[in-house]
Structure formats: structure tokens, C-alpha cells
């Protein structure tokens, strides 16, 4: 039986709400994950390939990471911020973001995988991650603006190469 995927967006605060989206390929509207003290896994969201609106993953205290291998396109903006325990953010098949892509203040973040990302329609911001030392942005060809700050473990040479490649 095909899952009943929401129209008009979805809000997820607990594991059971994420599980209700398992098998959905497309979210028409916005997808908001958090805030939550209880949610420990977003694995059930792994089949989502497209979010027509914006995608926000914010203020999740117990979530150890985000792995959304299916996600290819977000029509609006992507905001990943203040996820206290998240060590890895992997949107490794995401190719296109229509608006801004902001990843900030995820204090435990070690690895950010955006390896397939080619286009960010707005600003790309990666800021305030004291431990972040592995960033995959090798295919990024265009972003409206680049804002990288407060990531002392991320190689200055890699940041300079990214700025140069994007002409910023």
C-alpha cells in the first residue's frame, strides 16, 4: 500500500511522525523537522526525493545525525541549525536548492556531506561549528553568496579553494 503523503507540507517532532512519512517521495510544501527533545532518528525521511517548499531541521537535541540519501531537490531554502547532538549531516544526493542553504550552530557537527550539490539559488552559509573538519562541496558550481565563518577545524585552504571556484 502506498503511503498517504501530505499535501501542504509536514511537521515532524517525534520518531512516529517521521515514520508516517516513510516511503513518501515528494513533500508538496515545507518540511519542518523539530524542535524536539525526543526525536532520535530521521531515517524514515530517507525516501524523500523532493521538497517543493523549504526544508528546516532545527533545534533537535537528541538527533545524532541526518542522512537523507533520497533528497535531490528543494524548491525553497534549506535551514539546518541548532541540532545539539548531530555529528553528521548527509544530504549527499542533493543537487539543487532554490533559495538559501544555511547550516549553522550545530555544535557537535563533524561532517557535512553535500557532495552532489551543484546549485544554490541564494546564499550558502556554513557557520559556527567548532568541530567541523570534513565538508564535501566538490560539485558546487554556483551560489548567490558565500558566507563561511566560525569553523576553525575546516581547512582554510579548502575554504579558499571553494571561494575561488565560486568567484567569491
Protein backbone atom coordinates (compact mmCIF):
# COMPACT_ATOMS: atom_id res chain seq x y z
CA UNK A 1 0.00 0.00 0.00
CA UNK A 2 1.30 3.44 -0.97
CA UNK A 3 1.81 5.86 1.95
CA UNK A 4 -0.51 8.85 2.33
CA UNK A 5 1.97 11.63 1.72
CA UNK A 6 0.97 15.06 3.00
CA UNK A 7 -0.14 17.93 0.81
CA UNK A 8 0.63 21.38 2.11
CA UNK A 9 3.76 20.36 3.99
CA UNK A 10 4.67 18.31 7.04
CA UNK A 11 5.93 18.99 10.56
CA UNK A 12 7.86 16.30 12.43
CA UNK A 13 8.57 16.43 16.18
CA UNK A 14 8.85 12.75 17.15
CA UNK A 15 10.05 9.48 15.61
CA UNK A 16 6.46 8.32 14.99
CA UNK A 17 5.70 11.40 12.88
CA UNK A 18 8.83 10.74 10.81
CA UNK A 19 7.79 7.09 10.41
CA UNK A 20 4.44 8.24 9.00
CA UNK A 21 6.37 9.79 6.06
CA UNK A 22 8.32 6.61 5.27
CA UNK A 23 8.00 5.83 1.58
CA UNK A 24 7.00 9.35 0.56
CA UNK A 25 8.96 10.56 -2.46
CA UNK A 26 7.74 14.16 -2.52
CA UNK A 27 6.58 16.68 0.04
CA UNK A 28 4.36 19.32 -1.52
CA UNK A 29 5.08 22.37 0.61
CA UNK A 30 7.52 22.77 3.51
CA UNK A 31 9.12 20.02 5.57
CA UNK A 32 9.93 21.07 9.15
CA UNK A 33 11.78 18.66 11.46
CA UNK A 34 11.90 19.93 15.03
CA UNK A 35 12.13 21.39 17.52
CA UNK A 36 12.34 18.19 19.53
CA UNK A 37 13.95 16.79 22.65
CA UNK A 38 12.74 13.25 21.90
CA UNK A 39 13.38 12.55 18.21
CA UNK A 40 16.40 10.28 17.80
CA UNK A 41 16.23 9.31 14.11
CA UNK A 42 15.16 10.89 10.84
CA UNK A 43 15.93 7.69 8.89
CA UNK A 44 12.28 7.32 7.87
CA UNK A 45 12.67 10.51 5.80
CA UNK A 46 15.32 8.86 3.61
CA UNK A 47 12.97 8.12 0.71
CA UNK A 48 12.00 11.77 0.18
CA UNK A 49 13.42 12.94 -3.16
CA UNK A 50 11.90 16.41 -3.41
CA UNK A 51 10.54 19.11 -1.14
CA UNK A 52 8.72 21.72 -3.21
CA UNK A 53 8.86 24.34 -0.44
CA UNK A 54 11.55 24.80 2.19
CA UNK A 55 13.24 22.19 4.41
CA UNK A 56 14.10 23.03 8.00
CA UNK A 57 15.89 20.83 10.54
CA UNK A 58 16.20 22.88 13.72
CA UNK A 59 16.61 22.54 17.46
CA UNK A 60 16.69 18.76 17.76
CA UNK A 61 18.52 17.89 20.97
CA UNK A 62 18.77 14.08 20.64
CA UNK A 63 19.17 13.66 16.87
CA UNK A 64 22.68 12.27 16.28
CA UNK A 65 22.69 12.97 12.55
CA UNK A 66 20.71 13.42 9.38
CA UNK A 67 21.05 11.01 6.46
CA UNK A 68 18.66 11.76 3.61
CA UNK A 69 20.07 9.77 0.71
CA UNK A 70 16.99 10.24 -1.46
CA UNK A 71 16.74 14.03 -1.36
CA UNK A 72 17.64 15.54 -4.75
CA UNK A 73 15.87 18.91 -4.87
CA UNK A 74 14.47 21.55 -2.53
CA UNK A 75 12.45 24.29 -4.22
CA UNK A 76 12.83 26.81 -1.39
CA UNK A 77 15.50 27.20 1.26
CA UNK A 78 17.27 24.66 3.47
CA UNK A 79 17.95 25.54 7.12
CA UNK A 80 19.89 23.17 9.39
CA UNK A 81 20.58 24.83 12.71
CA UNK A 82 20.98 24.26 16.43
CA UNK A 83 20.89 20.46 16.37
CA UNK A 84 22.88 19.86 19.54
CA UNK A 85 23.98 16.23 19.08
CA UNK A 86 24.20 15.99 15.28
CA UNK A 87 27.68 14.83 14.27
CA UNK A 88 26.91 14.19 10.59
CA UNK A 89 24.62 15.96 8.15
CA UNK A 90 24.47 13.96 4.92
CA UNK A 91 22.39 15.27 2.05
CA UNK A 92 24.81 13.59 -0.34
CA UNK A 93 22.45 13.35 -3.34
CA UNK A 94 21.01 16.86 -3.04
CA UNK A 95 21.71 18.61 -6.37
CA UNK A 96 19.68 21.82 -6.24
CA UNK A 97 18.41 24.28 -3.64
CA UNK A 98 16.18 27.06 -4.99
CA UNK A 99 16.73 29.50 -2.10
CA UNK A 100 19.33 29.80 0.67
CA UNK A 101 21.19 26.87 2.19
CA UNK A 102 22.10 27.66 5.79
CA UNK A 103 23.94 25.27 8.12
CA UNK A 104 24.76 26.95 11.41
CA UNK A 105 25.31 26.41 15.12
CA UNK A 106 25.31 22.62 15.11
CA UNK A 107 27.88 22.44 17.91
CA UNK A 108 28.74 18.72 17.59
CA UNK A 109 28.91 18.67 13.78
CA UNK A 110 32.00 16.89 12.43
CA UNK A 111 30.96 16.07 8.84
CA UNK A 112 28.83 17.90 6.27
CA UNK A 113 28.22 15.95 3.07
CA UNK A 114 26.73 17.95 0.21
CA UNK A 115 28.85 16.15 -2.38
CA UNK A 116 26.32 16.23 -5.25
CA UNK A 117 25.21 19.84 -4.73
CA UNK A 118 25.58 21.92 -7.90
CA UNK A 119 23.35 24.97 -7.40
CA UNK A 120 22.21 27.15 -4.53
CA UNK A 121 19.85 29.87 -5.78
CA UNK A 122 20.54 32.13 -2.80
CA UNK A 123 23.16 32.33 -0.07
CA UNK A 124 25.24 29.38 1.09
CA UNK A 125 26.13 29.78 4.76
CA UNK A 126 28.16 27.36 6.88
CA UNK A 127 28.88 28.97 10.24
CA UNK A 128 29.66 28.39 13.90
CA UNK A 129 30.72 24.75 14.00
CA UNK A 130 33.73 24.42 16.32
CA UNK A 131 34.43 20.77 15.37
CA UNK A 132 33.53 20.65 11.65
CA UNK A 133 36.53 19.32 9.74
CA UNK A 134 35.04 17.37 6.82
CA UNK A 135 32.98 19.23 4.22
CA UNK A 136 32.01 17.82 0.82
CA UNK A 137 31.04 20.50 -1.69
CA UNK A 138 33.12 19.28 -4.64
CA UNK A 139 30.46 19.76 -7.34
CA UNK A 140 29.12 23.15 -6.26
CA UNK A 141 29.15 25.39 -9.34
CA UNK A 142 27.02 28.36 -8.27
CA UNK A 143 25.70 30.10 -5.19
CA UNK A 144 24.31 33.61 -4.89
CA UNK A 145 26.57 34.48 -1.97
CA UNK A 146 29.02 32.54 0.19
CA UNK A 147 29.15 33.07 3.98
CA UNK A 148 31.63 30.85 5.84
CA UNK A 149 32.64 31.82 9.36
CA UNK A 150 33.39 30.28 12.75
CA UNK A 151 34.51 26.84 11.57
CA UNK A 152 38.08 26.69 12.95
CA UNK A 153 38.66 22.99 12.18
CA UNK A 154 37.68 23.32 8.49
CA UNK A 155 40.81 23.70 6.37
CA UNK A 156 41.47 27.31 5.35
CA UNK A 157 42.87 26.01 2.06
CA UNK A 158 39.61 24.17 1.28
CA UNK A 159 37.59 27.29 2.09
CA UNK A 160 39.84 29.44 -0.12
CA UNK A 161 39.53 26.94 -2.99
CA UNK A 162 35.73 26.97 -2.66
CA UNK A 163 35.64 30.79 -2.69
CA UNK A 164 37.91 30.84 -5.73
CA UNK A 165 35.84 28.27 -7.62
CA UNK A 166 32.68 30.28 -7.00
CA UNK A 167 34.36 33.60 -7.80
CA UNK A 168 33.80 34.99 -4.30
